[in-house]
Amino acid sequence: MLASRLLRGLVVLMAGLYVASILGVIVALRFVGERWWPTTAGLYMPRVVLAAPLPVLALALVALKLYRLLWTQVIASLLLMFPLMGFVVPRPTLRKSDAPVVRLLSYNVDSGNLGYAGVVDEVVRASPDIVFLQEVGGPVDDLVQRLKEHYSTVVVTGQLALATHYDLVTETDPQKIAYNGRARSPRFARYLIDTPIGRIAFYNVHPISPRSGLYALRSGGLRHKILSGHWLTEFDASVLMGETGLRAAQMRDAAQGAAQETLPVVIAGDTNLPGLSRILNDNLSSYQDGFATVGWGFGYTFPTGKPWMRIDRVFASQALRFVGFHVGRSDASDHLCVVADLQAR
């Protein structure tokens, strides 16, 4: 009898702690985020792993006939699904049937490591009016030639590219920014384009990836450091936090430029900023997020095959209206492309 009471008490405690732990993770990622290396690294981890205790605890509550406490696991499910994993519920789209639509595609093409034939095939399938590409490299001439078969204007600026059949008014490669005593690329390009819904200032963005910093954390053996009890003291987080500071500076530079525009603004690209990111919220919260506005599901874009992060995004100022949004399916890159439809508001 005592053992049964102890087991019931333990399950009740675990059910409550599980909800509290998920809430704690959400608060830490959102409000601490890139200020501390463990939460910075946590932003880029697969969040679905936190769902592992859910079925075990739910079955334990049922087995012990603690039905009145199942609400704790319902709350845990909602916290997991929405704020933590970023699920978006479908909603009606207010599309004006008699108004023009501009379709934009954004795609990180992974330096053409898998060839550009599949990349351009995915672009053609989506039939966008404007194409933004990031991480352009490798056989760039092949990419340009393939795009010119479908678009009258193709512009490559460093590792960013634009293709469109609209009139490109101006293309601006911004000045470098100072970071840690060095001049660094802001990693965005600005385009003024005349479209059927008016002249728009477009920003093609690709701030630095956290990949090198995350690899540096793993060097020396993650499992060994955790088991030895030195998991908070022996990690080299300098690369991760250095990249994070630069990513924040690059995103801030692009956002400040966009904030000075008098025209409608669209910001698109591989932001390298997952859900709950402080950098994302601090710089782009005043813009509409295309997927969050008219998409549905998780909208994950990286890595291809089994994606767990939504880092490829399209934002727009309030003068525009998202009327469609979807994520591509091609495995021609390690990212999935995103496609947004826009009308004038």
Protein backbone atom coordinates (compact mmCIF):
# COMPACT_ATOMS: atom_id res chain seq x y z
CA MET A 1 0.00 0.00 0.00
CA LEU A 2 2.81 2.37 0.90
CA ALA A 3 4.61 1.52 -2.33
CA SER A 4 1.46 2.28 -4.30
CA ARG A 5 1.07 5.67 -2.64
CA LEU A 6 4.72 6.48 -3.24
CA LEU A 7 4.38 5.54 -6.91
CA ARG A 8 1.27 7.68 -7.31
CA GLY A 9 2.97 10.59 -5.59
CA LEU A 10 6.02 10.23 -7.82
CA VAL A 11 3.92 10.19 -11.00
CA VAL A 12 1.96 13.25 -9.84
CA LEU A 13 5.21 15.08 -9.11
CA MET A 14 6.73 14.10 -12.46
CA ALA A 15 3.61 15.21 -14.34
CA GLY A 16 3.78 18.65 -12.75
CA LEU A 17 7.54 19.00 -13.16
CA TYR A 18 7.27 18.05 -16.82
CA VAL A 19 4.91 20.95 -17.53
CA ALA A 20 7.11 23.31 -15.53
CA SER A 21 10.25 22.17 -17.36
CA ILE A 22 8.73 22.76 -20.82
CA LEU A 23 7.55 26.21 -19.75
CA GLY A 24 11.01 26.91 -18.35
CA VAL A 25 12.66 25.94 -21.64
CA ILE A 26 10.32 28.23 -23.58
CA VAL A 27 11.01 31.18 -21.27
CA ALA A 28 14.78 30.56 -21.34
CA LEU A 29 14.97 30.30 -25.13
CA ARG A 30 12.79 33.35 -25.70
CA PHE A 31 14.07 35.76 -23.04
CA VAL A 32 17.66 34.58 -22.51
CA GLY A 33 18.25 33.13 -25.95
CA GLU A 34 21.43 34.32 -27.62
CA ARG A 35 22.73 36.03 -24.46
CA TRP A 36 24.02 32.71 -23.00
CA TRP A 37 25.72 29.89 -24.87
CA PRO A 38 23.61 26.96 -23.52
CA THR A 39 20.37 28.64 -24.59
CA THR A 40 21.97 29.74 -27.86
CA ALA A 41 22.88 26.13 -28.61
CA GLY A 42 19.43 25.03 -27.42
CA LEU A 43 17.74 27.19 -30.03
CA TYR A 44 19.23 24.99 -32.75
CA MET A 45 18.47 21.60 -31.21
CA PRO A 46 15.52 19.37 -32.33
CA ARG A 47 12.74 20.32 -29.90
CA VAL A 48 10.66 17.23 -30.56
CA VAL A 49 12.94 15.29 -28.18
CA LEU A 50 11.24 17.10 -25.29
CA ALA A 51 8.04 15.26 -26.20
CA ALA A 52 9.56 11.89 -25.24
CA PRO A 53 8.22 11.85 -21.63
CA LEU A 54 4.69 12.84 -22.71
CA PRO A 55 3.27 9.41 -23.69
CA VAL A 56 4.98 7.73 -20.72
CA LEU A 57 3.50 10.15 -18.20
CA ALA A 58 0.07 10.09 -19.83
CA LEU A 59 -0.03 6.28 -19.75
CA ALA A 60 1.18 6.27 -16.14
CA LEU A 61 -1.62 8.64 -15.12
CA VAL A 62 -4.18 6.45 -16.87
CA ALA A 63 -2.75 3.23 -15.40
CA LEU A 64 -2.92 4.68 -11.89
CA LYS A 65 -6.43 6.05 -12.58
CA LEU A 66 -5.29 9.62 -11.99
CA TYR A 67 -7.58 10.86 -14.74
CA ARG A 68 -8.10 14.26 -13.13
CA LEU A 69 -4.41 15.04 -13.69
CA LEU A 70 -4.42 14.34 -17.42
CA TRP A 71 -4.94 18.07 -17.92
CA THR A 72 -1.24 18.51 -17.06
CA GLN A 73 -0.27 16.52 -20.12
CA VAL A 74 -2.78 18.39 -22.27
CA ILE A 75 -1.06 21.62 -21.23
CA ALA A 76 2.33 20.04 -21.90
CA SER A 77 1.16 19.02 -25.39
CA LEU A 78 -0.05 22.54 -26.18
CA LEU A 79 3.19 24.11 -24.94
CA LEU A 80 5.21 21.66 -27.02
CA MET A 81 3.13 22.05 -30.15
CA PHE A 82 2.69 25.80 -30.32
CA PRO A 83 5.27 28.07 -28.63
CA LEU A 84 8.10 25.52 -28.56
CA MET A 85 7.78 23.75 -31.92
CA GLY A 86 5.97 26.59 -33.69
CA PHE A 87 2.89 24.86 -35.09
CA VAL A 88 0.62 27.24 -37.03
CA VAL A 89 -3.12 26.56 -37.31
CA PRO A 90 -4.59 27.08 -40.80
CA ARG A 91 -6.83 30.11 -41.20
CA PRO A 92 -8.81 31.79 -43.98
CA THR A 93 -6.77 33.74 -46.53
CA LEU A 94 -8.10 37.12 -47.62
CA ARG A 95 -7.08 37.03 -51.29
CA LYS A 96 -8.62 39.61 -53.64
CA SER A 97 -9.48 37.75 -56.81
CA ASP A 98 -9.31 40.85 -59.00
CA ALA A 99 -5.98 42.18 -57.62
CA PRO A 100 -2.48 41.29 -58.89
CA VAL A 101 -0.29 38.86 -56.94
CA VAL A 102 3.49 38.81 -56.70
CA ARG A 103 5.06 35.43 -55.97
CA LEU A 104 8.46 35.36 -54.25
CA LEU A 105 10.69 32.32 -53.77
CA SER A 106 13.62 32.23 -51.33
CA TYR A 107 16.13 29.37 -51.40
CA ASN A 108 19.45 28.61 -49.73
CA VAL A 109 21.14 26.57 -52.48
CA ASP A 110 24.08 25.19 -50.44
CA SER A 111 26.76 26.44 -52.88
CA GLY A 112 25.41 24.15 -55.58
CA ASN A 113 26.91 21.10 -53.89
CA LEU A 114 24.22 18.88 -55.45
CA GLY A 115 24.26 20.74 -58.76
CA TYR A 116 22.03 23.56 -59.91
CA ALA A 117 19.77 21.57 -62.22
CA GLY A 118 17.57 20.44 -59.33
CA VAL A 119 17.59 23.92 -57.81
CA VAL A 120 16.32 25.54 -61.01
CA ASP A 121 13.79 22.73 -61.50
CA GLU A 122 12.36 23.56 -58.07
CA VAL A 123 12.27 27.26 -58.95
CA VAL A 124 10.46 26.57 -62.23
CA ARG A 125 7.91 24.31 -60.47
CA ALA A 126 6.99 27.13 -58.09
CA SER A 127 6.83 29.67 -60.95
CA PRO A 128 7.82 32.71 -58.87
CA ASP A 129 8.00 36.25 -60.20
CA ILE A 130 11.02 37.03 -58.01
CA VAL A 131 13.71 34.59 -56.88
CA PHE A 132 16.09 35.16 -53.97
CA LEU A 133 18.96 32.72 -53.58
CA GLN A 134 21.45 32.50 -50.72
CA GLU A 135 24.79 30.70 -50.37
CA VAL A 136 25.42 30.82 -54.09
CA GLY A 137 28.78 29.27 -54.95
CA GLY A 138 30.50 26.58 -56.96
CA PRO A 139 29.38 26.49 -60.63
CA VAL A 140 27.75 29.93 -60.53
CA ASP A 141 27.95 30.39 -64.32
CA ASP A 142 25.83 27.26 -64.74
CA LEU A 143 23.24 28.64 -62.30
CA VAL A 144 23.11 32.01 -64.08
CA GLN A 145 22.68 30.42 -67.49
CA ARG A 146 19.88 28.16 -66.26
CA LEU A 147 18.07 31.08 -64.62
CA LYS A 148 18.42 33.27 -67.72
CA GLU A 149 16.35 30.71 -69.63
CA HIS A 150 13.40 31.77 -67.46
CA TYR A 151 14.16 35.29 -66.18
CA SER A 152 15.24 38.41 -68.02
CA THR A 153 17.21 39.78 -65.06
CA VAL A 154 19.72 37.72 -63.07
CA VAL A 155 22.06 39.44 -60.60
CA VAL A 156 24.69 37.77 -58.42
CA THR A 157 26.13 39.78 -55.52
CA GLY A 158 28.67 37.77 -53.56
CA GLN A 159 26.83 34.72 -52.22
CA LEU A 160 23.39 36.23 -52.92
CA ALA A 161 21.44 36.16 -56.18
CA LEU A 162 18.27 37.66 -57.64
CA ALA A 163 16.26 36.56 -60.66
CA THR A 164 13.12 38.29 -61.91
CA HIS A 165 11.19 39.27 -65.01
CA TYR A 166 10.16 42.57 -63.39
CA ASP A 167 12.09 45.82 -63.80
CA LEU A 168 15.02 46.05 -61.40
CA VAL A 169 15.36 49.77 -60.56
CA THR A 170 18.45 49.59 -58.34
CA GLU A 171 20.59 46.94 -56.68
CA THR A 172 22.61 47.92 -53.60
CA ASP A 173 25.48 46.02 -52.03
CA PRO A 174 25.68 47.67 -48.58
CA GLN A 175 28.86 48.79 -46.87
CA LYS A 176 30.69 46.45 -44.55
CA ILE A 177 30.04 46.61 -40.82
CA ALA A 178 32.59 46.83 -38.01
CA TYR A 179 32.62 43.82 -35.69
CA ASN A 180 35.38 43.01 -33.17
CA GLY A 181 37.77 45.36 -34.90
CA ARG A 182 37.22 43.89 -38.35
CA ALA A 183 35.19 44.95 -41.36
CA ARG A 184 32.65 42.20 -42.01
CA SER A 185 30.08 41.66 -44.73
CA PRO A 186 26.52 42.57 -43.64
CA ARG A 187 25.42 39.59 -45.79
CA PHE A 188 22.37 41.16 -47.34
CA ALA A 189 21.53 42.89 -50.60
CA ARG A 190 18.86 45.51 -51.29
CA TYR A 191 16.82 45.71 -54.48
CA LEU A 192 14.21 48.21 -55.64
CA ILE A 193 11.85 46.42 -58.02
CA ASP A 194 8.81 47.69 -59.91
CA THR A 195 6.07 45.08 -59.52
CA PRO A 196 2.37 44.95 -60.46
CA ILE A 197 1.56 45.87 -56.85
CA GLY A 198 3.94 48.85 -56.85
CA ARG A 199 7.59 49.56 -56.23
CA ILE A 200 8.94 47.51 -53.34
CA ALA A 201 12.23 47.51 -51.42
CA PHE A 202 13.41 43.91 -51.17
CA TYR A 203 16.10 42.67 -48.79
CA ASN A 204 17.79 39.34 -49.51
CA VAL A 205 19.41 38.27 -46.20
CA HIS A 206 21.73 35.51 -45.05
CA PRO A 207 23.44 36.29 -41.73
CA ILE A 208 26.23 33.98 -40.61
CA SER A 209 25.39 30.41 -39.66
CA PRO A 210 25.97 29.03 -36.12
CA ARG A 211 27.38 25.82 -37.63
CA SER A 212 31.07 26.38 -36.81
CA GLY A 213 30.26 27.34 -33.23
CA LEU A 214 28.06 24.30 -32.70
CA TYR A 215 30.79 22.05 -34.12
CA ALA A 216 33.31 23.65 -31.75
CA LEU A 217 31.07 22.83 -28.79
CA ARG A 218 31.04 19.19 -29.81
CA SER A 219 34.81 18.93 -30.20
CA GLY A 220 36.49 16.90 -27.48
CA GLY A 221 33.48 14.69 -26.88
CA LEU A 222 30.12 15.95 -25.68
CA ARG A 223 29.30 12.71 -23.86
CA HIS A 224 32.62 12.68 -21.98
CA LYS A 225 32.20 16.25 -20.76
CA ILE A 226 28.68 15.65 -19.49
CA LEU A 227 29.64 12.41 -17.70
CA SER A 228 32.73 14.01 -16.16
CA GLY A 229 30.64 16.82 -14.66
CA HIS A 230 32.48 19.53 -16.61
CA TRP A 231 29.73 20.22 -19.11
CA LEU A 232 29.34 23.85 -18.03
CA THR A 233 33.02 24.71 -17.66
CA GLU A 234 35.04 22.96 -20.37
CA PHE A 235 33.10 23.80 -23.49
CA ASP A 236 34.69 26.30 -25.86
CA ALA A 237 31.74 28.58 -26.56
CA SER A 238 33.81 31.47 -27.91
CA VAL A 239 33.25 30.54 -31.56
CA LEU A 240 29.52 30.09 -31.05
CA MET A 241 29.08 33.38 -29.23
CA GLY A 242 31.33 35.23 -31.65
CA GLU A 243 29.21 34.04 -34.56
CA THR A 244 26.07 34.89 -32.63
CA GLY A 245 27.22 38.47 -32.04
CA LEU A 246 28.07 38.85 -35.71
CA ARG A 247 24.72 37.39 -36.77
CA ALA A 248 22.96 39.89 -34.50
CA ALA A 249 24.98 42.77 -36.00
CA GLN A 250 24.22 41.65 -39.56
CA MET A 251 20.51 41.26 -38.88
CA ARG A 252 20.40 44.62 -37.09
CA ASP A 253 22.09 46.35 -40.04
CA ALA A 254 19.55 44.96 -42.49
CA ALA A 255 16.62 45.79 -40.19
CA GLN A 256 17.84 49.36 -39.70
CA GLY A 257 18.10 49.84 -43.44
CA ALA A 258 14.60 48.45 -43.94
CA ALA A 259 13.21 50.70 -41.19
CA GLN A 260 14.33 53.78 -43.15
CA GLU A 261 12.43 52.82 -46.29
CA THR A 262 9.42 54.87 -47.36
CA LEU A 263 8.29 52.10 -49.72
CA PRO A 264 6.73 48.75 -48.79
CA VAL A 265 9.41 46.32 -47.62
CA VAL A 266 9.96 42.59 -48.04
CA ILE A 267 12.76 40.84 -46.13
CA ALA A 268 13.46 37.28 -47.22
CA GLY A 269 16.18 34.68 -46.97
CA ASP A 270 17.92 32.18 -44.76
CA THR A 271 17.88 34.10 -41.48
CA ASN A 272 19.67 31.35 -39.49
CA LEU A 273 17.26 32.34 -36.71
CA PRO A 274 14.86 29.66 -35.41
CA GLY A 275 11.64 30.21 -33.50
CA LEU A 276 11.87 32.00 -30.10
CA SER A 277 15.14 33.73 -31.12
CA ARG A 278 15.74 37.05 -29.34
CA ILE A 279 17.63 38.38 -32.36
CA LEU A 280 14.68 37.59 -34.59
CA ASN A 281 12.18 39.23 -32.25
CA ASP A 282 14.33 42.29 -31.55
CA ASN A 283 14.82 43.09 -35.23
CA LEU A 284 11.83 41.80 -37.19
CA SER A 285 8.86 41.65 -34.82
CA SER A 286 7.27 44.70 -36.47
CA TYR A 287 6.95 42.83 -39.78
CA GLN A 288 4.45 40.18 -40.81
CA ASP A 289 5.92 36.68 -40.94
CA GLY A 290 4.52 35.04 -44.08
CA PHE A 291 4.33 31.51 -42.73
CA ALA A 292 2.88 32.55 -39.37
CA THR A 293 0.29 34.70 -41.16
CA VAL A 294 -1.09 32.37 -43.84
CA GLY A 295 0.86 29.10 -43.60
CA TRP A 296 -0.01 26.05 -41.55
CA GLY A 297 1.87 23.23 -39.86
CA PHE A 298 5.44 23.54 -38.66
CA GLY A 299 6.97 25.00 -41.81
CA TYR A 300 10.40 23.56 -41.07
CA THR A 301 13.00 24.22 -43.77
CA PHE A 302 16.25 22.71 -42.47
CA PRO A 303 17.79 20.19 -42.80
CA THR A 304 16.25 18.61 -45.90
CA GLY A 305 14.90 15.10 -45.31
CA LYS A 306 14.09 15.43 -41.61
CA PRO A 307 13.80 19.17 -40.96
CA TRP A 308 13.39 20.45 -37.42
CA MET A 309 13.99 24.20 -37.79
CA ARG A 310 12.21 27.03 -39.57
CA ILE A 311 15.00 29.44 -40.46
CA ASP A 312 14.13 30.31 -44.08
CA ARG A 313 11.59 33.12 -43.88
CA VAL A 314 9.74 35.89 -45.70
CA PHE A 315 8.66 39.07 -43.88
CA ALA A 316 6.65 42.00 -45.19
CA SER A 317 5.67 45.45 -43.96
CA GLN A 318 2.04 46.30 -43.23
CA ALA A 319 1.49 47.88 -46.66
CA LEU A 320 1.47 44.37 -48.12
CA ARG A 321 -0.69 41.32 -47.48
CA PHE A 322 0.36 37.67 -47.54
CA VAL A 323 -2.22 35.60 -49.42
CA GLY A 324 -0.30 32.35 -49.75
CA PHE A 325 2.74 30.57 -48.38
CA HIS A 326 4.22 27.11 -48.78
CA VAL A 327 7.46 25.21 -48.23
CA GLY A 328 9.11 23.37 -51.12
CA ARG A 329 9.89 19.66 -51.22
CA SER A 330 12.99 19.30 -53.39
CA ASP A 331 16.17 17.71 -52.02
CA ALA A 332 18.38 19.73 -54.38
CA SER A 333 19.85 21.57 -51.37
CA ASP A 334 20.22 21.03 -47.62
CA HIS A 335 17.46 23.64 -47.21
CA LEU A 336 13.88 23.64 -48.45
CA CYS A 337 12.75 26.72 -50.34
CA VAL A 338 9.87 28.93 -49.21
CA VAL A 339 7.31 30.52 -51.55
CA ALA A 340 5.14 33.51 -50.62
CA ASP A 341 2.29 35.21 -52.49
CA LEU A 342 1.78 38.93 -51.83
CA GLN A 343 -0.86 41.51 -52.67
CA ALA A 344 -1.11 45.20 -51.88
CA ARG A 345 -3.15 45.78 -48.74
